[in-house]
């Protein structure tokens, strides 16, 4: 079958959409913990509340958006199957959500991907297509397959249902700690930053929402600053969840409206944050998951004495990488 990619209508999800998403995903996911660790707060110099999205069944936050999207596919879209591109966590999300709802899933990944994430995608029943040097080339491959075979193409950022789904993180944080001064969220494709900032600006506008990206993969940061779509020739970060060469239109537009600030962190700052999580909270964060804590440390003078939520977006770090960082 030869078909054009069906592009979703890129409306901006609202708080109402996020509330509806929560109702959809509640039967499938437990609420994740929000915890303060005295030793961690002391090390950072403010009250740090960690949102443990590394406790999700996929080890990362994106499953919220996956369930919200796949559960709303039409009968025709379910029959055709879905295809998407991912460096790992988004792919796991679509794979598991597709298995839940009986949908065929094809996940395009770059060459030499995170092996643990690929094994997890396969364990959820999805097919893997490994091609391309990075996420951008894997995305082109997914788009090609969608055109050739008629699959429902799932963009990893320009999907309002994904954004609304991950925005439910903010609802849970507000329930547990309604008076946070700031929330820091890692930004790769930007669905998390877009969804969380949408919820906060509607329900708790006094809370500052701060994005963080890797210095070695700064396309979204640069675009947020300039107001233009900025691309980079390459990315060179171990934080594969942040490794985007080009921003996505819908999340970027939302984040430019809603984020109060945006910072960059280095590779070593993320590794320091991973070590701090192990030492002070006895928990595992991948590079992207540690980025928000790294940003809090970098901004410690500005945040001193405040109540700050940090999104530990994922814990899918290979054992080899963890040994290297701890060593």
C-alpha atoms as a PDB file:
ATOM      1  CA  UNK A   1       0.000   0.000   0.000  1.00  0.00           C
ATOM      2  CA  UNK A   2       1.338   3.405  -0.934  1.00  0.00           C
ATOM      3  CA  UNK A   3      -0.032   6.171   1.268  1.00  0.00           C
ATOM      4  CA  UNK A   4       0.941   9.598   2.421  1.00  0.00           C
ATOM      5  CA  UNK A   5       1.867  10.080   6.074  1.00  0.00           C
ATOM      6  CA  UNK A   6      -1.202  11.117   8.003  1.00  0.00           C
ATOM      7  CA  UNK A   7      -0.095  14.234   9.891  1.00  0.00           C
ATOM      8  CA  UNK A   8      -2.000  14.877  13.078  1.00  0.00           C
ATOM      9  CA  UNK A   9      -3.744  18.208  13.529  1.00  0.00           C
ATOM     10  CA  UNK A  10      -1.282  20.145  15.653  1.00  0.00           C
ATOM     11  CA  UNK A  11      -3.552  21.839  18.138  1.00  0.00           C
ATOM     12  CA  UNK A  12      -2.119  22.887  21.487  1.00  0.00           C
ATOM     13  CA  UNK A  13      -3.435  20.626  24.250  1.00  0.00           C
ATOM     14  CA  UNK A  14      -5.029  22.348  27.221  1.00  0.00           C
ATOM     15  CA  UNK A  15      -5.463  21.517  30.892  1.00  0.00           C
ATOM     16  CA  UNK A  16      -8.781  19.918  29.928  1.00  0.00           C
ATOM     17  CA  UNK A  17      -6.928  17.562  27.562  1.00  0.00           C
ATOM     18  CA  UNK A  18      -4.448  16.676  30.298  1.00  0.00           C
ATOM     19  CA  UNK A  19      -7.258  15.911  32.747  1.00  0.00           C
ATOM     20  CA  UNK A  20      -8.912  13.681  30.130  1.00  0.00           C
ATOM     21  CA  UNK A  21      -5.576  11.949  29.509  1.00  0.00           C
ATOM     22  CA  UNK A  22      -5.236  11.203  33.191  1.00  0.00           C
ATOM     23  CA  UNK A  23      -8.606   9.478  33.199  1.00  0.00           C
ATOM     24  CA  UNK A  24      -7.519   7.364  30.202  1.00  0.00           C
ATOM     25  CA  UNK A  25      -4.184   6.233  31.620  1.00  0.00           C
ATOM     26  CA  UNK A  26      -5.208   5.662  35.241  1.00  0.00           C
ATOM     27  CA  UNK A  27      -6.423   2.068  34.642  1.00  0.00           C
ATOM     28  CA  UNK A  28      -2.982   1.145  33.293  1.00  0.00           C
ATOM     29  CA  UNK A  29      -0.420   3.113  35.340  1.00  0.00           C
ATOM     30  CA  UNK A  30       0.115   3.707  39.029  1.00  0.00           C
ATOM     31  CA  UNK A  31       0.875   7.190  40.293  1.00  0.00           C
ATOM     32  CA  UNK A  32       4.664   7.592  40.621  1.00  0.00           C
ATOM     33  CA  UNK A  33       6.234   8.783  43.887  1.00  0.00           C
ATOM     34  CA  UNK A  34       7.311  12.348  44.623  1.00  0.00           C
ATOM     35  CA  UNK A  35       9.980  12.166  47.314  1.00  0.00           C
ATOM     36  CA  UNK A  36      12.278  14.488  49.190  1.00  0.00           C
ATOM     37  CA  UNK A  37      15.602  13.079  50.376  1.00  0.00           C
ATOM     38  CA  UNK A  38      17.176  15.115  53.160  1.00  0.00           C
ATOM     39  CA  UNK A  39      20.717  14.293  52.036  1.00  0.00           C
ATOM     40  CA  UNK A  40      19.937  15.283  48.455  1.00  0.00           C
ATOM     41  CA  UNK A  41      18.281  18.551  49.490  1.00  0.00           C
ATOM     42  CA  UNK A  42      21.242  19.375  51.704  1.00  0.00           C
ATOM     43  CA  UNK A  43      23.664  18.722  48.844  1.00  0.00           C
ATOM     44  CA  UNK A  44      21.737  20.982  46.453  1.00  0.00           C
ATOM     45  CA  UNK A  45      20.908  23.745  48.951  1.00  0.00           C
ATOM     46  CA  UNK A  46      17.125  23.744  48.543  1.00  0.00           C
ATOM     47  CA  UNK A  47      14.171  21.452  49.155  1.00  0.00           C
ATOM     48  CA  UNK A  48      14.375  19.015  46.248  1.00  0.00           C
ATOM     49  CA  UNK A  49      11.358  16.863  45.400  1.00  0.00           C
ATOM     50  CA  UNK A  50      12.145  14.053  42.970  1.00  0.00           C
ATOM     51  CA  UNK A  51       9.374  12.857  40.650  1.00  0.00           C
ATOM     52  CA  UNK A  52      10.244   9.199  40.069  1.00  0.00           C
ATOM     53  CA  UNK A  53       9.270   8.512  36.474  1.00  0.00           C
ATOM     54  CA  UNK A  54      12.030   5.886  36.501  1.00  0.00           C
ATOM     55  CA  UNK A  55       9.440   3.764  38.369  1.00  0.00           C
ATOM     56  CA  UNK A  56       7.226   3.470  35.277  1.00  0.00           C
ATOM     57  CA  UNK A  57       6.921  -0.021  33.697  1.00  0.00           C
ATOM     58  CA  UNK A  58       9.098   1.185  30.804  1.00  0.00           C
ATOM     59  CA  UNK A  59      11.531   2.943  33.162  1.00  0.00           C
ATOM     60  CA  UNK A  60      10.586   6.351  31.732  1.00  0.00           C
ATOM     61  CA  UNK A  61       7.819   8.962  31.595  1.00  0.00           C
ATOM     62  CA  UNK A  62       6.830   8.603  27.943  1.00  0.00           C
ATOM     63  CA  UNK A  63       4.519   5.633  28.549  1.00  0.00           C
ATOM     64  CA  UNK A  64       1.925   8.163  29.758  1.00  0.00           C
ATOM     65  CA  UNK A  65       1.738   9.713  26.300  1.00  0.00           C
ATOM     66  CA  UNK A  66       1.909   6.359  24.544  1.00  0.00           C
ATOM     67  CA  UNK A  67      -1.164   5.016  26.312  1.00  0.00           C
ATOM     68  CA  UNK A  68      -3.071   8.263  25.802  1.00  0.00           C
ATOM     69  CA  UNK A  69      -2.346   8.208  22.062  1.00  0.00           C
ATOM     70  CA  UNK A  70      -2.705   4.521  21.197  1.00  0.00           C
ATOM     71  CA  UNK A  71      -5.921   4.182  23.214  1.00  0.00           C
ATOM     72  CA  UNK A  72      -7.516   6.791  20.908  1.00  0.00           C
ATOM     73  CA  UNK A  73      -6.522   5.296  17.550  1.00  0.00           C
ATOM     74  CA  UNK A  74      -9.365   4.601  15.170  1.00  0.00           C
ATOM     75  CA  UNK A  75     -10.236   1.027  14.195  1.00  0.00           C
ATOM     76  CA  UNK A  76      -8.649   1.646  10.792  1.00  0.00           C
ATOM     77  CA  UNK A  77      -5.420   2.974  12.339  1.00  0.00           C
ATOM     78  CA  UNK A  78      -5.225  -0.023  14.666  1.00  0.00           C
ATOM     79  CA  UNK A  79      -5.662  -2.347  11.712  1.00  0.00           C
ATOM     80  CA  UNK A  80      -2.851  -0.654   9.762  1.00  0.00           C
ATOM     81  CA  UNK A  81      -0.403  -0.546  12.677  1.00  0.00           C
ATOM     82  CA  UNK A  82       1.890   2.237  13.820  1.00  0.00           C
ATOM     83  CA  UNK A  83       5.474   3.237  13.072  1.00  0.00           C
ATOM     84  CA  UNK A  84       7.675   5.680  14.928  1.00  0.00           C
ATOM     85  CA  UNK A  85      11.310   6.622  15.474  1.00  0.00           C
ATOM     86  CA  UNK A  86      13.056   6.632  18.816  1.00  0.00           C
ATOM     87  CA  UNK A  87      16.368   6.513  20.644  1.00  0.00           C
ATOM     88  CA  UNK A  88      14.685   4.224  23.159  1.00  0.00           C
ATOM     89  CA  UNK A  89      12.180   5.556  25.690  1.00  0.00           C
ATOM     90  CA  UNK A  90       9.553   6.785  23.225  1.00  0.00           C
ATOM     91  CA  UNK A  91       9.898   3.497  21.356  1.00  0.00           C
ATOM     92  CA  UNK A  92       9.291   1.521  24.534  1.00  0.00           C
ATOM     93  CA  UNK A  93       6.236   3.652  25.222  1.00  0.00           C
ATOM     94  CA  UNK A  94       4.645   3.058  21.824  1.00  0.00           C
ATOM     95  CA  UNK A  95       5.620  -0.622  21.893  1.00  0.00           C
ATOM     96  CA  UNK A  96       4.041  -1.319  25.287  1.00  0.00           C
ATOM     97  CA  UNK A  97       0.941   0.790  24.610  1.00  0.00           C
ATOM     98  CA  UNK A  98       0.483  -0.983  21.267  1.00  0.00           C
ATOM     99  CA  UNK A  99       0.688  -4.369  22.954  1.00  0.00           C
ATOM    100  CA  UNK A 100      -1.933  -3.257  25.483  1.00  0.00           C
ATOM    101  CA  UNK A 101      -4.375  -2.390  22.694  1.00  0.00           C
ATOM    102  CA  UNK A 102      -3.502  -5.110  20.174  1.00  0.00           C
ATOM    103  CA  UNK A 103      -1.780  -2.878  17.611  1.00  0.00           C
ATOM    104  CA  UNK A 104       1.236  -3.795  15.466  1.00  0.00           C
ATOM    105  CA  UNK A 105       4.190  -1.480  16.172  1.00  0.00           C
ATOM    106  CA  UNK A 106       7.362  -0.865  14.153  1.00  0.00           C
ATOM    107  CA  UNK A 107      10.071   1.131  15.929  1.00  0.00           C
ATOM    108  CA  UNK A 108      12.889   2.711  13.904  1.00  0.00           C
ATOM    109  CA  UNK A 109      16.101   3.265  15.877  1.00  0.00           C
ATOM    110  CA  UNK A 110      19.556   4.535  14.866  1.00  0.00           C
ATOM    111  CA  UNK A 111      22.468   2.178  14.439  1.00  0.00           C
ATOM    112  CA  UNK A 112      24.228   1.233  17.697  1.00  0.00           C
ATOM    113  CA  UNK A 113      21.310   2.149  19.982  1.00  0.00           C
ATOM    114  CA  UNK A 114      21.134   1.662  23.737  1.00  0.00           C
ATOM    115  CA  UNK A 115      21.002  -2.165  23.867  1.00  0.00           C
ATOM    116  CA  UNK A 116      18.902  -2.317  27.036  1.00  0.00           C
ATOM    117  CA  UNK A 117      16.257  -0.061  25.495  1.00  0.00           C
ATOM    118  CA  UNK A 118      16.156  -2.095  22.279  1.00  0.00           C
ATOM    119  CA  UNK A 119      15.771  -5.334  24.235  1.00  0.00           C
ATOM    120  CA  UNK A 120      12.899  -3.740  26.149  1.00  0.00           C
ATOM    121  CA  UNK A 121      11.187  -2.609  22.925  1.00  0.00           C
ATOM    122  CA  UNK A 122      11.404  -6.150  21.558  1.00  0.00           C
ATOM    123  CA  UNK A 123      10.127  -7.589  24.838  1.00  0.00           C
ATOM    124  CA  UNK A 124       6.961  -5.522  24.392  1.00  0.00           C
ATOM    125  CA  UNK A 125       6.352  -7.198  21.037  1.00  0.00           C
ATOM    126  CA  UNK A 126       7.388  -4.444  18.624  1.00  0.00           C
ATOM    127  CA  UNK A 127       9.469  -4.876  15.493  1.00  0.00           C
ATOM    128  CA  UNK A 128      12.840  -3.066  15.377  1.00  0.00           C
ATOM    129  CA  UNK A 129      14.286  -1.419  12.273  1.00  0.00           C
ATOM    130  CA  UNK A 130      17.866  -0.288  12.957  1.00  0.00           C
ATOM    131  CA  UNK A 131      19.071   2.221  10.370  1.00  0.00           C
ATOM    132  CA  UNK A 132      20.657   5.698  10.347  1.00  0.00           C
ATOM    133  CA  UNK A 133      23.442   7.404  12.240  1.00  0.00           C
ATOM    134  CA  UNK A 134      21.193   9.236  14.706  1.00  0.00           C
ATOM    135  CA  UNK A 135      17.585   9.980  15.636  1.00  0.00           C
ATOM    136  CA  UNK A 136      17.000  12.298  12.672  1.00  0.00           C
ATOM    137  CA  UNK A 137      17.922   9.589  10.170  1.00  0.00           C
ATOM    138  CA  UNK A 138      15.845   7.012  12.057  1.00  0.00           C
ATOM    139  CA  UNK A 139      12.910   9.432  11.808  1.00  0.00           C
ATOM    140  CA  UNK A 140      13.356   9.757   8.050  1.00  0.00           C
ATOM    141  CA  UNK A 141      13.276   5.963   7.848  1.00  0.00           C
ATOM    142  CA  UNK A 142      10.033   5.799   9.850  1.00  0.00           C
ATOM    143  CA  UNK A 143       8.448   8.399   7.579  1.00  0.00           C
ATOM    144  CA  UNK A 144       9.496   6.377   4.522  1.00  0.00           C
ATOM    145  CA  UNK A 145       7.965   3.186   5.918  1.00  0.00           C
ATOM    146  CA  UNK A 146       4.735   5.003   6.747  1.00  0.00           C
ATOM    147  CA  UNK A 147       4.433   6.220   3.147  1.00  0.00           C
ATOM    148  CA  UNK A 148       5.280   2.825   1.671  1.00  0.00           C
ATOM    149  CA  UNK A 149       3.054   0.655   3.877  1.00  0.00           C
ATOM    150  CA  UNK A 150       0.306   2.947   5.150  1.00  0.00           C
ATOM    151  CA  UNK A 151       1.205   2.695   8.832  1.00  0.00           C
ATOM    152  CA  UNK A 152      -0.057   5.368  11.200  1.00  0.00           C
ATOM    153  CA  UNK A 153       3.070   7.476  11.685  1.00  0.00           C
ATOM    154  CA  UNK A 154       3.527   8.568  15.307  1.00  0.00           C
ATOM    155  CA  UNK A 155       5.693  11.660  15.514  1.00  0.00           C
ATOM    156  CA  UNK A 156       7.693  11.715  18.727  1.00  0.00           C
ATOM    157  CA  UNK A 157       6.874  15.381  19.431  1.00  0.00           C
ATOM    158  CA  UNK A 158       4.173  16.847  17.173  1.00  0.00           C
ATOM    159  CA  UNK A 159       1.387  14.772  18.726  1.00  0.00           C
ATOM    160  CA  UNK A 160      -1.056  16.558  21.058  1.00  0.00           C
ATOM    161  CA  UNK A 161      -2.065  13.238  22.682  1.00  0.00           C
ATOM    162  CA  UNK A 162       1.558  12.525  23.650  1.00  0.00           C
ATOM    163  CA  UNK A 163       1.935  16.000  25.125  1.00  0.00           C
ATOM    164  CA  UNK A 164      -1.329  15.769  27.067  1.00  0.00           C
ATOM    165  CA  UNK A 165      -0.387  12.323  28.362  1.00  0.00           C
ATOM    166  CA  UNK A 166       2.963  13.343  29.815  1.00  0.00           C
ATOM    167  CA  UNK A 167       1.384  16.520  31.172  1.00  0.00           C
ATOM    168  CA  UNK A 168      -0.292  14.294  33.774  1.00  0.00           C
ATOM    169  CA  UNK A 169       3.057  14.296  35.604  1.00  0.00           C
ATOM    170  CA  UNK A 170       2.316  17.875  36.639  1.00  0.00           C
ATOM    171  CA  UNK A 171      -1.128  16.978  38.002  1.00  0.00           C
ATOM    172  CA  UNK A 172       0.396  14.354  40.287  1.00  0.00           C
ATOM    173  CA  UNK A 173       3.111  16.718  41.518  1.00  0.00           C
ATOM    174  CA  UNK A 174       0.582  19.457  42.266  1.00  0.00           C
ATOM    175  CA  UNK A 175      -1.519  17.028  44.289  1.00  0.00           C
ATOM    176  CA  UNK A 176       1.452  15.990  46.442  1.00  0.00           C
ATOM    177  CA  UNK A 177       3.235  19.372  46.683  1.00  0.00           C
ATOM    178  CA  UNK A 178       0.957  22.188  45.532  1.00  0.00           C
ATOM    179  CA  UNK A 179       3.278  25.037  46.562  1.00  0.00           C
ATOM    180  CA  UNK A 180       6.521  24.366  44.704  1.00  0.00           C
ATOM    181  CA  UNK A 181       8.505  27.434  43.664  1.00  0.00           C
ATOM    182  CA  UNK A 182       9.932  25.797  40.558  1.00  0.00           C
ATOM    183  CA  UNK A 183       9.824  22.587  38.521  1.00  0.00           C
ATOM    184  CA  UNK A 184      12.726  21.570  36.289  1.00  0.00           C
ATOM    185  CA  UNK A 185      12.053  19.310  33.314  1.00  0.00           C
ATOM    186  CA  UNK A 186      14.528  17.744  30.853  1.00  0.00           C
ATOM    187  CA  UNK A 187      13.932  18.545  27.185  1.00  0.00           C
ATOM    188  CA  UNK A 188      14.720  16.265  24.253  1.00  0.00           C
ATOM    189  CA  UNK A 189      11.858  16.333  21.772  1.00  0.00           C
ATOM    190  CA  UNK A 190       9.987  18.553  24.211  1.00  0.00           C
ATOM    191  CA  UNK A 191       6.751  16.647  24.906  1.00  0.00           C
ATOM    192  CA  UNK A 192       7.501  16.615  28.638  1.00  0.00           C
ATOM    193  CA  UNK A 193       8.403  20.293  28.784  1.00  0.00           C
ATOM    194  CA  UNK A 194       5.336  21.214  26.739  1.00  0.00           C
ATOM    195  CA  UNK A 195       2.878  19.081  28.697  1.00  0.00           C
ATOM    196  CA  UNK A 196       4.150  19.916  32.175  1.00  0.00           C
ATOM    197  CA  UNK A 197       4.399  23.640  31.456  1.00  0.00           C
ATOM    198  CA  UNK A 198       0.863  23.659  30.000  1.00  0.00           C
ATOM    199  CA  UNK A 199      -0.540  22.155  33.198  1.00  0.00           C
ATOM    200  CA  UNK A 200       1.398  24.485  35.476  1.00  0.00           C
ATOM    201  CA  UNK A 201       0.591  27.675  33.624  1.00  0.00           C
ATOM    202  CA  UNK A 202      -3.113  26.801  33.795  1.00  0.00           C
ATOM    203  CA  UNK A 203      -3.315  25.493  37.358  1.00  0.00           C
ATOM    204  CA  UNK A 204      -0.327  26.956  39.255  1.00  0.00           C
ATOM    205  CA  UNK A 205       1.058  29.921  37.308  1.00  0.00           C
ATOM    206  CA  UNK A 206       3.201  31.048  40.238  1.00  0.00           C
ATOM    207  CA  UNK A 207       5.403  27.973  39.870  1.00  0.00           C
ATOM    208  CA  UNK A 208       8.341  28.588  37.539  1.00  0.00           C
ATOM    209  CA  UNK A 209       8.863  25.873  34.920  1.00  0.00           C
ATOM    210  CA  UNK A 210      12.463  25.547  33.754  1.00  0.00           C
ATOM    211  CA  UNK A 211      13.682  23.439  30.830  1.00  0.00           C
ATOM    212  CA  UNK A 212      17.116  21.828  30.617  1.00  0.00           C
ATOM    213  CA  UNK A 213      18.998  20.380  27.668  1.00  0.00           C
ATOM    214  CA  UNK A 214      22.504  19.038  27.088  1.00  0.00           C
ATOM    215  CA  UNK A 215      25.208  21.490  26.027  1.00  0.00           C
ATOM    216  CA  UNK A 216      26.210  19.016  23.310  1.00  0.00           C
ATOM    217  CA  UNK A 217      22.649  18.796  21.924  1.00  0.00           C
ATOM    218  CA  UNK A 218      21.291  22.347  22.244  1.00  0.00           C
ATOM    219  CA  UNK A 219      18.907  22.677  19.274  1.00  0.00           C
ATOM    220  CA  UNK A 220      15.736  23.199  21.318  1.00  0.00           C
ATOM    221  CA  UNK A 221      17.479  25.583  23.723  1.00  0.00           C
ATOM    222  CA  UNK A 222      18.830  27.649  20.815  1.00  0.00           C
ATOM    223  CA  UNK A 223      15.411  27.693  19.144  1.00  0.00           C
ATOM    224  CA  UNK A 224      13.682  28.705  22.389  1.00  0.00           C
ATOM    225  CA  UNK A 225      16.138  31.588  22.735  1.00  0.00           C
ATOM    226  CA  UNK A 226      16.028  32.829  19.141  1.00  0.00           C
ATOM    227  CA  UNK A 227      12.418  32.164  18.191  1.00  0.00           C
ATOM    228  CA  UNK A 228      13.601  30.337  15.055  1.00  0.00           C
ATOM    229  CA  UNK A 229      13.984  26.625  14.260  1.00  0.00           C
ATOM    230  CA  UNK A 230      17.677  26.055  14.981  1.00  0.00           C
ATOM    231  CA  UNK A 231      19.358  22.803  13.980  1.00  0.00           C
ATOM    232  CA  UNK A 232      22.756  21.331  14.795  1.00  0.00           C
ATOM    233  CA  UNK A 233      24.884  19.217  12.480  1.00  0.00           C
ATOM    234  CA  UNK A 234      25.452  16.555  15.129  1.00  0.00           C
ATOM    235  CA  UNK A 235      24.821  15.692  18.758  1.00  0.00           C
ATOM    236  CA  UNK A 236      27.482  14.330  21.071  1.00  0.00           C
ATOM    237  CA  UNK A 237      25.849  13.431  24.361  1.00  0.00           C
ATOM    238  CA  UNK A 238      25.573  10.193  26.315  1.00  0.00           C
ATOM    239  CA  UNK A 239      22.063  11.362  27.308  1.00  0.00           C
ATOM    240  CA  UNK A 240      20.268   9.776  24.361  1.00  0.00           C
ATOM    241  CA  UNK A 241      16.912  11.097  25.558  1.00  0.00           C
ATOM    242  CA  UNK A 242      18.200  14.638  24.911  1.00  0.00           C
ATOM    243  CA  UNK A 243      19.946  13.894  21.611  1.00  0.00           C
ATOM    244  CA  UNK A 244      17.868  15.848  19.101  1.00  0.00           C
ATOM    245  CA  UNK A 245      19.452  17.785  16.218  1.00  0.00           C
ATOM    246  CA  UNK A 246      16.239  19.583  15.336  1.00  0.00           C
ATOM    247  CA  UNK A 247      13.358  20.786  17.511  1.00  0.00           C
ATOM    248  CA  UNK A 248       9.741  19.804  16.912  1.00  0.00           C
ATOM    249  CA  UNK A 249       7.324  22.564  15.978  1.00  0.00           C
ATOM    250  CA  UNK A 250       4.443  21.938  18.371  1.00  0.00           C
ATOM    251  CA  UNK A 251       6.377  21.361  21.621  1.00  0.00           C
ATOM    252  CA  UNK A 252       8.683  24.274  20.818  1.00  0.00           C
ATOM    253  CA  UNK A 253       5.775  26.651  20.264  1.00  0.00           C
ATOM    254  CA  UNK A 254       4.219  25.603  23.574  1.00  0.00           C
ATOM    255  CA  UNK A 255       7.496  25.853  25.492  1.00  0.00           C
ATOM    256  CA  UNK A 256       8.237  29.305  24.078  1.00  0.00           C
ATOM    257  CA  UNK A 257       4.918  30.425  25.539  1.00  0.00           C
ATOM    258  CA  UNK A 258       5.149  28.617  28.861  1.00  0.00           C
ATOM    259  CA  UNK A 259       8.731  28.009  30.002  1.00  0.00           C
ATOM    260  CA  UNK A 260      10.086  30.613  32.406  1.00  0.00           C
ATOM    261  CA  UNK A 261      13.727  29.737  31.784  1.00  0.00           C
ATOM    262  CA  UNK A 262      15.917  27.266  29.924  1.00  0.00           C
ATOM    263  CA  UNK A 263      19.440  26.142  30.841  1.00  0.00           C
ATOM    264  CA  UNK A 264      22.135  23.865  29.467  1.00  0.00           C
ATOM    265  CA  UNK A 265      24.159  21.298  31.389  1.00  0.00           C
ATOM    266  CA  UNK A 266      27.402  19.565  30.489  1.00  0.00           C
ATOM    267  CA  UNK A 267      28.086  15.854  30.169  1.00  0.00           C
ATOM    268  CA  UNK A 268      30.054  15.896  33.417  1.00  0.00           C
ATOM    269  CA  UNK A 269      27.301  17.789  35.245  1.00  0.00           C
ATOM    270  CA  UNK A 270      24.796  15.079  34.267  1.00  0.00           C
ATOM    271  CA  UNK A 271      27.212  12.367  35.386  1.00  0.00           C
ATOM    272  CA  UNK A 272      27.712  14.177  38.703  1.00  0.00           C
ATOM    273  CA  UNK A 273      23.923  14.220  39.121  1.00  0.00           C
ATOM    274  CA  UNK A 274      23.718  10.476  38.410  1.00  0.00           C
ATOM    275  CA  UNK A 275      26.333   9.865  41.112  1.00  0.00           C
ATOM    276  CA  UNK A 276      24.438  12.137  43.499  1.00  0.00           C
ATOM    277  CA  UNK A 277      21.212  10.212  42.908  1.00  0.00           C
ATOM    278  CA  UNK A 278      22.999   6.959  43.724  1.00  0.00           C
ATOM    279  CA  UNK A 279      24.697   8.365  46.825  1.00  0.00           C
ATOM    280  CA  UNK A 280      21.878  10.432  48.303  1.00  0.00           C
ATOM    281  CA  UNK A 281      18.653   8.860  46.978  1.00  0.00           C
ATOM    282  CA  UNK A 282      19.765   5.287  46.176  1.00  0.00           C
ATOM    283  CA  UNK A 283      18.121   5.487  42.767  1.00  0.00           C
ATOM    284  CA  UNK A 284      19.228   5.188  39.137  1.00  0.00           C
ATOM    285  CA  UNK A 285      18.829   7.957  36.571  1.00  0.00           C
ATOM    286  CA  UNK A 286      19.837   7.905  32.931  1.00  0.00           C
ATOM    287  CA  UNK A 287      21.487  10.997  31.477  1.00  0.00           C
ATOM    288  CA  UNK A 288      18.252  12.740  30.529  1.00  0.00           C
ATOM    289  CA  UNK A 289      16.701  11.747  33.843  1.00  0.00           C
ATOM    290  CA  UNK A 290      19.595  13.329  35.743  1.00  0.00           C
ATOM    291  CA  UNK A 291      19.574  16.552  33.717  1.00  0.00           C
ATOM    292  CA  UNK A 292      16.984  18.314  35.891  1.00  0.00           C
ATOM    293  CA  UNK A 293      18.995  17.642  39.058  1.00  0.00           C
ATOM    294  CA  UNK A 294      22.138  18.804  37.256  1.00  0.00           C
ATOM    295  CA  UNK A 295      20.321  22.037  36.404  1.00  0.00           C
ATOM    296  CA  UNK A 296      19.217  22.521  40.022  1.00  0.00           C
ATOM    297  CA  UNK A 297      22.828  22.195  41.145  1.00  0.00           C
ATOM    298  CA  UNK A 298      23.958  24.617  38.440  1.00  0.00           C
ATOM    299  CA  UNK A 299      21.284  27.124  39.568  1.00  0.00           C
ATOM    300  CA  UNK A 300      21.838  26.515  43.279  1.00  0.00           C
ATOM    301  CA  UNK A 301      22.382  30.179  44.220  1.00  0.00           C
ATOM    302  CA  UNK A 302      19.192  31.250  42.497  1.00  0.00           C
ATOM    303  CA  UNK A 303      17.217  28.341  43.999  1.00  0.00           C
ATOM    304  CA  UNK A 304      18.693  28.437  47.494  1.00  0.00           C
ATOM    305  CA  UNK A 305      16.032  27.885  50.160  1.00  0.00           C
ATOM    306  CA  UNK A 306      13.254  27.287  47.615  1.00  0.00           C
ATOM    307  CA  UNK A 307      11.040  24.239  47.048  1.00  0.00           C
ATOM    308  CA  UNK A 308      11.985  22.675  43.728  1.00  0.00           C
ATOM    309  CA  UNK A 309      10.569  19.699  41.838  1.00  0.00           C
ATOM    310  CA  UNK A 310      12.938  17.811  39.536  1.00  0.00           C
ATOM    311  CA  UNK A 311      11.630  15.347  36.962  1.00  0.00           C
ATOM    312  CA  UNK A 312      13.655  12.136  37.039  1.00  0.00           C
ATOM    313  CA  UNK A 313      12.320  11.314  33.605  1.00  0.00           C
ATOM    314  CA  UNK A 314      13.933   7.908  33.170  1.00  0.00           C
ATOM    315  CA  UNK A 315      16.305   5.354  34.631  1.00  0.00           C
ATOM    316  CA  UNK A 316      17.247   3.323  31.559  1.00  0.00           C
ATOM    317  CA  UNK A 317      21.005   3.467  31.996  1.00  0.00           C
ATOM    318  CA  UNK A 318      23.036   0.447  30.912  1.00  0.00           C
ATOM    319  CA  UNK A 319      24.981  -1.363  33.622  1.00  0.00           C
ATOM    320  CA  UNK A 320      28.200  -0.713  31.676  1.00  0.00           C
ATOM    321  CA  UNK A 321      27.527   3.029  31.570  1.00  0.00           C
ATOM    322  CA  UNK A 322      26.630   3.084  35.264  1.00  0.00           C
ATOM    323  CA  UNK A 323      29.867   1.300  36.174  1.00  0.00           C
ATOM    324  CA  UNK A 324      31.843   3.757  34.064  1.00  0.00           C
ATOM    325  CA  UNK A 325      30.186   6.785  35.679  1.00  0.00           C
ATOM    326  CA  UNK A 326      30.519   5.462  39.220  1.00  0.00           C
ATOM    327  CA  UNK A 327      34.068   4.295  38.572  1.00  0.00           C
END
